[in-house]
Amino acid sequence: MTRAVEVRITGRVQGVSFRAYAAREAVRLELVGWVRNEPDGSVAAHLEGPDDDVDEMVAWCRQGPPGARVDRLELHDVPPTGASRFEVDY
């Protein structure tokens, strides 16, 4: 079953390659969607894939890459978009 979520991660998450690490992890898990920096200093992502893989990616987002400090993660279930790959928005 495909699950889709949107997450917003706040803390020290920009300037630490969060998007690049997140994209690598999402591709490893064979998820589709996107990740991007937000003007307020947070990182947002849309993640789609099997329930367990989405859960694993959300758990990764709660820690982030080396150098990141995640203070908060907001999670919302959303309808799948049917994306075909994972993209980093710049």
Protein backbone atom coordinates (compact mmCIF):
# COMPACT_ATOMS: atom_id res chain seq x y z
CA MET A 1 0.00 0.00 0.00
CA THR A 2 1.26 3.47 -0.88
CA ARG A 3 1.38 6.11 1.80
CA ALA A 4 2.10 9.79 1.23
CA VAL A 5 3.15 12.30 3.87
CA GLU A 6 4.43 15.82 4.00
CA VAL A 7 6.93 16.77 6.68
CA ARG A 8 8.37 20.07 7.85
CA ILE A 9 11.61 19.87 9.79
CA THR A 10 12.85 22.78 11.89
CA GLY A 11 16.10 23.38 13.72
CA ARG A 12 19.58 23.58 12.23
CA VAL A 13 18.55 21.97 8.95
CA GLN A 14 19.73 24.37 6.25
CA GLY A 15 23.39 24.66 5.35
CA VAL A 16 24.13 21.09 6.50
CA SER A 17 23.33 19.26 3.23
CA PHE A 18 20.01 18.04 4.65
CA ARG A 19 18.39 17.94 1.20
CA ALA A 20 21.21 15.96 -0.42
CA TYR A 21 21.33 13.41 2.42
CA ALA A 22 17.53 13.15 2.46
CA ALA A 23 17.41 12.54 -1.29
CA ARG A 24 20.05 9.81 -1.01
CA GLU A 25 18.08 8.12 1.77
CA ALA A 26 14.78 8.42 -0.11
CA VAL A 27 16.29 6.89 -3.24
CA ARG A 28 17.78 4.06 -1.15
CA LEU A 29 14.28 3.38 0.20
CA GLU A 30 12.82 3.67 -3.33
CA LEU A 31 10.52 6.52 -2.32
CA VAL A 32 9.26 9.24 -4.65
CA GLY A 33 8.51 12.88 -3.91
CA TRP A 34 10.63 15.94 -3.19
CA VAL A 35 12.60 17.87 -0.58
CA ARG A 36 13.24 21.62 -0.46
CA ASN A 37 14.45 24.47 1.74
CA GLU A 38 11.77 26.85 2.93
CA PRO A 39 12.20 30.63 3.33
CA ASP A 40 11.64 30.34 7.11
CA GLY A 41 14.76 28.16 7.52
CA SER A 42 12.93 24.83 7.67
CA VAL A 43 13.10 21.91 5.27
CA ALA A 44 9.90 20.48 3.74
CA ALA A 45 9.48 17.13 2.03
CA HIS A 46 6.80 15.08 0.30
CA LEU A 47 7.39 11.34 0.67
CA GLU A 48 5.51 8.54 -1.09
CA GLY A 49 5.97 4.79 -0.95
CA PRO A 50 5.22 1.66 1.06
CA ASP A 51 4.14 2.34 4.66
CA ASP A 52 7.24 0.83 6.28
CA ASP A 53 9.63 2.70 3.99
CA VAL A 54 7.86 6.02 4.56
CA ASP A 55 8.03 5.39 8.32
CA GLU A 56 11.76 4.66 8.04
CA MET A 57 12.31 7.89 6.11
CA VAL A 58 10.34 9.91 8.66
CA ALA A 59 12.49 8.38 11.42
CA TRP A 60 15.60 9.41 9.46
CA CYS A 61 14.22 12.96 9.16
CA ARG A 62 13.85 13.14 12.96
CA GLN A 63 17.66 12.75 13.21
CA GLY A 64 18.89 14.26 9.95
CA PRO A 65 22.42 14.15 8.60
CA PRO A 66 25.64 14.83 10.51
CA GLY A 67 25.76 18.48 11.50
CA ALA A 68 21.98 18.90 11.63
CA ARG A 69 19.95 19.52 14.75
CA VAL A 70 16.28 18.66 14.40
CA ASP A 71 14.16 20.54 16.92
CA ARG A 72 10.75 19.62 15.55
CA LEU A 73 9.13 17.53 12.84
CA GLU A 74 5.55 18.13 11.71
CA LEU A 75 3.92 15.24 9.86
CA HIS A 76 0.72 15.25 7.78
CA ASP A 77 -0.77 12.44 5.74
CA VAL A 78 -1.66 13.66 2.25
CA PRO A 79 -3.00 12.09 -0.95
CA PRO A 80 -0.37 10.43 -3.16
CA THR A 81 0.59 12.47 -6.22
CA GLY A 82 1.79 9.54 -8.31
CA ALA A 83 5.27 11.02 -8.68
CA SER A 84 7.75 8.87 -10.57
CA ARG A 85 11.01 9.87 -8.86
CA PHE A 86 12.51 11.75 -5.94
CA GLU A 87 13.64 15.32 -6.59
CA VAL A 88 15.55 18.02 -4.76
CA ASP A 89 13.93 21.42 -5.29
CA TYR A 90 16.39 24.32 -5.36
